[in-house]
Protein backbone atom coordinates (compact mmCIF):
# COMPACT_ATOMS: atom_id res chain seq x y z
CA MET A 1 1.55 -59.46 51.56
CA PRO A 2 1.55 -62.24 54.21
CA ASP A 3 -1.38 -62.36 56.62
CA THR A 4 0.45 -61.44 59.85
CA PRO A 5 -0.63 -59.23 62.79
CA SER A 6 1.98 -56.59 61.93
CA ASN A 7 0.88 -56.36 58.30
CA GLN A 8 -2.82 -56.35 59.23
CA ALA A 9 -2.29 -53.51 61.71
CA ARG A 10 -0.51 -51.30 59.15
CA PHE A 11 -2.31 -52.41 55.97
CA PRO A 12 -5.78 -53.77 56.89
CA GLN A 13 -7.41 -56.17 54.47
CA PRO A 14 -10.61 -55.09 52.66
CA GLY A 15 -13.71 -55.21 54.84
CA SER A 16 -15.43 -57.53 52.37
CA GLN A 17 -13.00 -60.34 53.28
CA ALA A 18 -13.51 -62.54 56.33
CA GLU A 19 -10.85 -62.68 59.04
CA GLY A 20 -8.22 -65.30 58.34
CA VAL A 21 -9.13 -65.53 54.66
CA GLY A 22 -7.97 -62.27 53.08
CA PHE A 23 -4.57 -60.62 52.84
CA PRO A 24 -3.27 -57.19 53.93
CA LEU A 25 -3.36 -54.79 51.00
CA ALA A 26 -1.46 -51.56 50.36
CA TYR A 27 -2.09 -48.71 47.94
CA LEU A 28 0.85 -47.36 45.97
CA VAL A 29 0.43 -43.98 44.27
CA ALA A 30 3.38 -42.85 42.19
CA VAL A 31 4.39 -39.74 40.27
CA ILE A 32 6.05 -41.07 37.11
CA CYS A 33 8.02 -39.08 34.54
CA LEU A 34 6.14 -39.34 31.25
CA ALA A 35 9.33 -38.97 29.20
CA SER A 36 11.59 -41.54 30.89
CA GLY A 37 9.26 -43.67 33.01
CA ALA A 38 11.27 -43.04 36.20
CA VAL A 39 9.40 -42.93 39.51
CA LEU A 40 9.82 -39.42 40.93
CA GLU A 41 7.71 -39.62 44.09
CA THR A 42 5.74 -42.37 45.82
CA ALA A 43 3.19 -42.58 48.62
CA VAL A 44 2.20 -45.84 50.28
CA GLY A 45 -1.35 -45.87 51.63
CA THR A 46 -3.85 -48.31 53.09
CA TYR A 47 -6.73 -49.96 51.26
CA ALA A 48 -9.03 -49.89 54.29
CA GLY A 49 -9.37 -47.73 57.40
CA LYS A 50 -8.95 -44.01 58.05
CA GLY A 51 -7.20 -42.05 55.31
CA SER A 52 -7.40 -44.92 52.86
CA GLY A 53 -7.59 -44.78 49.08
CA GLU A 54 -5.66 -43.34 46.14
CA LEU A 55 -6.74 -39.73 46.64
CA ALA A 56 -5.63 -39.73 50.28
CA ALA A 57 -2.24 -41.08 49.20
CA PHE A 58 -1.98 -38.52 46.39
CA ARG A 59 -2.58 -35.63 48.80
CA MET A 60 0.71 -36.59 50.45
CA LEU A 61 2.45 -35.99 47.10
CA GLN A 62 0.93 -32.64 46.10
CA SER A 63 3.80 -30.63 47.57
CA SER A 64 6.28 -32.42 45.29
CA PHE A 65 5.04 -30.62 42.16
CA ARG A 66 6.72 -27.44 41.01
CA ARG A 67 5.54 -24.46 38.96
CA GLY A 68 5.50 -25.37 35.27
CA ASP A 69 4.86 -29.08 35.82
CA VAL A 70 2.01 -30.82 34.00
CA ILE A 71 -0.04 -33.58 35.65
CA VAL A 72 -1.69 -36.16 33.41
CA ALA A 73 -4.11 -38.37 35.36
CA ASP A 74 -7.29 -40.40 34.96
CA ALA A 75 -10.84 -39.44 35.90
CA LEU A 76 -10.48 -40.40 39.58
CA TYR A 77 -8.30 -37.34 40.20
CA CYS A 78 -10.52 -34.92 38.28
CA HIS A 79 -12.18 -33.04 41.12
CA TYR A 80 -12.48 -29.41 42.14
CA PHE A 81 -10.13 -29.26 45.14
CA LEU A 82 -7.22 -31.04 43.50
CA MET A 83 -7.42 -28.88 40.39
CA ALA A 84 -7.74 -25.69 42.43
CA SER A 85 -4.68 -26.65 44.48
CA MET A 86 -2.64 -27.30 41.35
CA ILE A 87 -3.70 -24.01 39.73
CA ALA A 88 -2.64 -22.14 42.86
CA ALA A 89 0.76 -23.88 42.68
CA GLY A 90 1.23 -22.98 39.00
CA VAL A 91 0.85 -26.60 37.88
CA ASP A 92 -1.20 -27.50 34.79
CA VAL A 93 -3.37 -30.61 34.63
CA VAL A 94 -4.86 -32.79 31.89
CA MET A 95 -7.43 -35.30 33.11
CA GLU A 96 -10.41 -37.23 31.86
CA GLN A 97 -13.77 -35.86 32.99
CA HIS A 98 -15.22 -37.66 36.01
CA GLY A 99 -18.29 -39.72 35.15
CA SER A 100 -20.41 -37.96 37.78
CA ARG A 101 -19.94 -34.52 36.18
CA ARG A 102 -22.19 -33.49 33.29
CA THR A 103 -20.54 -31.66 30.39
CA ASP A 104 -22.67 -29.15 28.47
CA PHE A 105 -20.82 -27.50 25.58
CA ARG A 106 -23.62 -24.95 25.16
CA ARG A 107 -22.36 -23.20 28.28
CA GLY A 108 -19.24 -21.08 28.77
CA LYS A 109 -16.94 -19.59 26.13
CA SER A 110 -16.68 -21.64 22.95
CA LEU A 111 -13.19 -22.36 21.58
CA GLY A 112 -14.39 -24.57 18.74
CA THR A 113 -16.40 -27.73 18.19
CA HIS A 114 -16.87 -29.49 21.55
CA ASP A 115 -14.22 -27.26 23.10
CA HIS A 116 -15.00 -24.53 25.62
CA ILE A 117 -13.97 -22.70 28.79
CA VAL A 118 -16.40 -23.05 31.66
CA MET A 119 -16.62 -22.10 35.33
CA TRP A 120 -16.84 -24.85 37.95
CA PRO A 121 -18.56 -23.81 41.20
CA LYS A 122 -17.02 -24.89 44.47
CA PRO A 123 -18.81 -27.89 46.06
CA GLN A 124 -21.22 -26.75 48.75
CA GLN A 125 -20.12 -29.36 51.28
CA CYS A 126 -16.73 -29.37 52.95
CA PRO A 127 -15.01 -32.79 52.53
CA ALA A 128 -14.45 -34.82 55.69
CA TRP A 129 -10.65 -34.76 55.21
CA MET A 130 -10.52 -30.94 55.01
CA THR A 131 -10.87 -28.36 57.78
CA ARG A 132 -13.43 -25.58 57.48
CA GLU A 133 -10.66 -22.99 57.22
CA GLN A 134 -9.04 -24.86 54.33
CA TYR A 135 -12.40 -25.14 52.58
CA GLN A 136 -13.09 -21.41 52.86
CA ALA A 137 -9.65 -20.60 51.41
CA PHE A 138 -10.58 -22.16 48.05
CA PRO A 139 -12.08 -19.85 45.38
CA ASP A 140 -15.83 -19.93 44.78
CA GLU A 141 -15.31 -20.74 41.09
CA LEU A 142 -12.68 -22.42 38.97
CA MET A 143 -12.00 -21.68 35.28
CA VAL A 144 -11.24 -24.85 33.30
CA ARG A 145 -11.28 -26.02 29.71
CA GLU A 146 -13.34 -29.02 28.61
CA SER A 147 -12.71 -30.72 25.25
CA ARG A 148 -14.40 -33.75 23.73
CA LEU A 149 -11.98 -36.03 21.93
CA HIS A 150 -13.54 -39.12 20.38
CA HIS A 151 -15.31 -40.98 23.21
CA ARG A 152 -13.95 -39.00 26.18
CA VAL A 153 -14.01 -35.48 27.58
CA LEU A 154 -10.71 -34.05 28.78
CA VAL A 155 -10.46 -31.34 31.42
CA THR A 156 -7.40 -29.10 31.50
CA THR A 157 -6.09 -25.85 32.91
CA MET A 158 -4.39 -25.06 29.57
CA LEU A 159 -6.95 -22.49 28.47
CA ASP A 160 -5.25 -21.01 25.38
CA ALA A 161 -6.38 -23.05 22.36
CA ARG A 162 -3.80 -21.28 20.17
CA LYS A 163 -0.94 -22.62 22.29
CA THR A 164 -2.49 -26.01 23.12
CA SER A 165 -4.83 -27.49 20.53
CA LYS A 166 -7.30 -30.32 21.05
CA GLN A 167 -4.91 -32.59 19.17
CA ASP A 168 -2.11 -31.64 21.56
CA LEU A 169 -4.32 -32.58 24.51
CA SER A 170 -5.27 -35.85 22.84
CA GLN A 171 -1.64 -36.83 22.24
CA LEU A 172 -0.61 -35.84 25.75
CA TYR A 173 -3.39 -37.83 27.39
CA ALA A 174 -2.74 -40.82 25.13
CA GLY A 175 0.78 -40.92 26.57
CA ARG A 176 -0.73 -41.64 29.99
CA TRP A 177 -1.13 -45.26 28.91
CA ASN A 178 2.65 -45.59 29.24
CA VAL A 179 2.22 -45.03 32.97
CA GLU A 180 -0.15 -48.01 33.15
CA LEU A 181 2.58 -50.07 31.48
CA ASP A 182 5.14 -48.69 33.95
CA LEU A 183 3.00 -49.87 36.87
CA ARG A 184 2.68 -53.26 35.19
CA ASN A 185 6.46 -53.43 34.89
CA ILE A 186 6.86 -52.58 38.57
CA LYS A 187 4.31 -55.13 39.75
CA THR A 188 4.74 -57.94 37.23
CA THR A 189 8.15 -57.67 35.56
CA MET A 190 9.87 -56.60 38.80
CA GLY A 191 7.72 -58.96 40.90
CA MET A 192 6.29 -56.42 43.36
CA ASP A 193 2.64 -57.47 43.04
CA VAL A 194 3.03 -59.76 46.08
CA LEU A 195 5.27 -58.67 48.97
CA HIS A 196 6.92 -61.34 51.11
CA CYS A 197 8.00 -59.86 54.45
CA GLN A 198 6.34 -60.74 57.76
CA THR A 199 6.30 -57.20 59.19
CA ALA A 200 4.91 -53.97 57.78
CA HIS A 201 8.22 -52.16 58.30
CA MET A 202 10.10 -54.68 56.19
CA ASN A 203 7.39 -54.69 53.51
CA GLU A 204 7.78 -50.93 53.13
CA LYS A 205 11.52 -51.46 52.75
CA GLU A 206 10.81 -54.11 50.12
CA ILE A 207 8.70 -51.59 48.20
CA TRP A 208 11.48 -48.99 48.22
CA VAL A 209 14.11 -51.55 47.14
CA HIS A 210 11.91 -52.58 44.21
CA LEU A 211 11.48 -48.94 43.18
CA LEU A 212 15.21 -48.30 43.51
CA ALA A 213 15.96 -51.25 41.21
CA TYR A 214 13.25 -50.05 38.81
CA ASN A 215 14.81 -46.59 38.58
CA VAL A 216 18.26 -48.12 37.97
CA ILE A 217 16.81 -49.88 34.91
CA ARG A 218 15.15 -46.64 33.77
CA LEU A 219 18.46 -44.80 34.17
CA LEU A 220 20.26 -47.35 32.00
CA MET A 221 17.52 -47.06 29.37
CA ALA A 222 17.73 -43.25 29.41
CA GLN A 223 21.51 -43.35 29.03
CA ALA A 224 21.28 -45.83 26.15
CA ALA A 225 18.57 -43.74 24.48
CA SER A 226 20.69 -40.60 24.81
CA HIS A 227 23.72 -42.44 23.42
CA TYR A 228 21.76 -43.51 20.33
CA ALA A 229 19.59 -40.36 20.02
CA THR A 230 16.29 -42.16 20.50
CA ASP A 231 13.30 -41.99 22.83
CA PRO A 232 13.66 -43.97 26.11
CA ARG A 233 10.06 -45.10 25.63
CA ALA A 234 11.11 -46.84 22.42
CA LEU A 235 13.34 -49.29 24.35
CA SER A 236 12.17 -52.51 25.98
CA PHE A 237 12.03 -52.50 29.77
CA LYS A 238 11.93 -56.30 30.14
CA HIS A 239 14.82 -56.73 27.73
CA THR A 240 16.89 -54.29 29.80
CA VAL A 241 16.04 -56.13 33.03
CA GLN A 242 17.13 -59.46 31.55
CA LEU A 243 20.27 -57.95 30.04
CA TRP A 244 21.27 -56.15 33.25
CA THR A 245 20.70 -59.31 35.33
CA GLU A 246 22.98 -61.30 33.02
CA TRP A 247 25.50 -58.43 32.96
CA LEU A 248 25.79 -58.46 36.77
CA ALA A 249 25.92 -62.28 36.87
CA ARG A 250 29.10 -62.09 34.79
CA GLY A 251 30.69 -59.79 37.37
CA LEU A 252 30.43 -56.68 35.20
CA THR A 253 29.37 -53.17 36.28
CA ALA A 254 27.72 -50.24 34.56
CA THR A 255 31.12 -48.63 33.95
CA HIS A 256 32.51 -51.72 32.22
CA ASP A 257 32.35 -51.26 28.43
CA GLN A 258 29.42 -48.82 28.47
CA SER A 259 29.28 -48.65 24.69
CA LEU A 260 28.61 -52.39 24.46
CA LEU A 261 26.04 -52.23 27.27
CA PHE A 262 24.15 -49.34 25.68
CA SER A 263 24.32 -51.02 22.28
CA LEU A 264 22.75 -54.21 23.66
CA ILE A 265 20.02 -52.24 25.48
CA ALA A 266 19.18 -50.25 22.34
CA GLN A 267 18.90 -53.38 20.18
CA SER A 268 15.40 -54.29 21.39
CA ARG A 269 12.82 -51.68 20.37
CA VAL A 270 9.14 -51.49 21.31
CA GLY A 271 6.71 -51.29 18.42
CA ASN A 272 4.81 -48.04 17.88
CA ARG A 273 1.18 -49.16 18.19
CA PRO A 274 -0.99 -46.12 19.02
CA GLY A 275 -4.60 -46.91 19.85
CA ARG A 276 -3.89 -50.61 20.33
CA ILE A 277 -6.83 -52.43 21.94
CA GLU A 278 -6.58 -55.89 23.50
CA PRO A 279 -9.32 -57.83 25.34
CA ARG A 280 -8.86 -57.94 29.11
CA MET A 281 -9.11 -61.72 29.13
CA ARG A 282 -6.80 -64.69 29.61
CA LYS A 283 -6.65 -67.65 27.27
CA ARG A 284 -4.93 -70.00 29.73
CA ARG A 285 -7.45 -71.53 32.12
CA PRO A 286 -6.75 -71.49 35.88
CA LYS A 287 -6.44 -74.63 37.97
CA SER A 288 -9.83 -75.85 39.19
CA TYR A 289 -9.19 -75.58 42.93
CA PRO A 290 -11.92 -74.11 45.17
CA TRP A 291 -11.35 -70.85 47.06
CA LEU A 292 -10.12 -70.93 50.66
CA LYS A 293 -13.12 -69.48 52.52
CA GLU A 294 -12.06 -70.10 56.13
CA PRO A 295 -8.81 -69.74 58.11
CA ARG A 296 -6.16 -72.21 57.03
CA HIS A 297 -5.88 -74.01 60.38
CA ILE A 298 -9.63 -74.74 60.31
CA ALA A 299 -9.46 -75.98 56.71
CA ARG A 300 -6.46 -78.15 57.59
CA GLU A 301 -8.33 -79.76 60.48
CA ARG A 302 -11.37 -80.34 58.28
CA ALA A 303 -9.22 -82.05 55.64
CA ARG A 304 -7.64 -84.22 58.33
CA LYS A 305 -11.07 -85.39 59.53
CA TYR A 306 -13.08 -85.62 56.31
CA GLY A 307 -10.54 -85.57 53.49
CA HIS A 308 -9.90 -82.92 50.86
CA ALA A 309 -12.78 -81.11 49.19
CA PRO A 310 -13.40 -82.10 45.56
CA ARG A 311 -12.16 -79.81 42.81
CA ALA A 312 -14.64 -77.32 41.40
């Protein structure tokens, strides 16, 4: 977002960036429906300063989960206190094992090859964000299930291997990749990766407007999928955005010829490519301009006196 005093006060830039060079940065943690892709809950946090980070933002969302829900998350969220809180609320979790925790399948109750139930002891130190009373209210041990699937270990509260097999866990966790694509759609397809307002209050409004528009697209996709008895995840998000933009430009609404609208949305299907791997690299080379390493007004004065710096 723009480098203004209001934005810096609400969303401080990372401490590694010099003053006048970096940009205010916000964290967005979202609870996304795995079936439809709709954003159910969102917390906006800061990248730097007190109470910063994804986990701090997620703690603001914990009360939104209801008994019977299932949380699928990456290894960052796989820690004792979060899992204990979810178990107490009747919420199941499936997460990848955190890299700092050692998994020993010789311990605990074996459920099969590289599949067991084990007790996690409560950390001995109380976290800085938790009061002593809250810390003491947590149980001394936590019963969880650890399962190795290919190159990763999954941790879950679904302890009954007869009801939930290792393959079930693998398929459920594999679906988490859709959430990464949902976040890409929000930031890239919807254009929310860079916010444009000059004040923090308006930037937060911009975030909510983007998410509202995103959920409208997801609603149209869900309705089209229901109309044609298919999975909403099988439809193209970008195609629906382009179609809906053109639909509105022609002065039409969602109630105008719904059958035609749903038919057009359902035309573009996403290929089923499980386990697809692509290199995290870009073929197109960036422009060879040097980085701005000082405040713009200083760089402007330097260019006025000595000319522009040569390209890298």
